[in-house]
């Protein structure tokens, strides 16, 4: 059963048209790392915002600064289940899926259901409301790529039955559903393939490399590098990514394919570890552990389409973004109150 965390009357479409001119956005996964930033941005842009979250990985304190805003509400609900019948919206953002390996592998069947059944439920809601709908896909659809950097036209190299497959294949299936709904029903869809992203409101235990390194360094622990550390990643700061979301959703016409959103600056994991040690003034050593199954050797987005058609590219470099993220985690781990630190902007 859905739980309304903060009450906001959900009017019918006709009532809303009569009572207000503001657009309403539904953000599935709105209490998560990226979802909470998106809710804030949409409110600043003049939307009424309804966040939908089951709080399995999203945190209530991520929404603390929003709960007193009369244009914001949050419904506790799992998108795998039938959605509330009175939901009305003009735009839908689907960010509802665990995104870090420890979280999505903890319940792989539910992860896959979230991507497939959850997407079906939101797509049907978009049909009912004649709403635009955005899908947060992932660079994991490229798997361990043979093409570098990865353009949207690359079909990927993905293991269909490994421990990461629940996420990789779930997101690939969701992309299929979105484009089939567009072709079959004329639905206005926008699909973003998100590359590694970091910033405020990441969780200390989420298992992503940036948060792992920063938390280990702040605690005076050794930094754990899997494999040789020569595998590469590209790190996009959250604020830049949210700007990409907004530009993709507001583009005058829907791209006929998914769109890469990420920072094309490429770093080895060893380079990242060294930077984190420097920014935290830590005395941590770097230790090596075996590489996880299906861990990609390289990852870098080709963002040519986003630059040419959305006028978008990241503005915040890794050095600036790491400094902000270290400050956030220092407050989160050692501040006088966790919720205050987590909600700070």
Foldseek 3Di string as FASTA:
>chain_A
DKDWPADDDLDAPVVCVVPDDAFEEEEEVLQAPLNVVLQVVVVVVRHQYEYEEQPPPGDPLLCVVPRPPNSYIYMNDQLLDADDPRHEGAEYEYPHAQDFLVSCLVDLVVRLSCLASSLVNVLVNCVVRVHEYEYAAAPCQQFQHPDPADEQPRRHDHDCDDSCNSRNVSRVNSQVVVLVCCVPPVRHYAYEHEFAEDAAQDDCPSNDQLSQLLVCQLVLEAREDADPQQFKGFYAYSVQQSLLVVLQSPQPGHDSTYAYDTAQDMDGRVVSNVLSCVLSVGPHHYDYDHHDPSDHRYYGYDRVCCCVRRVGHGDDDPNRRSNNRSQLVCCCVPNPDNSVSRNDD
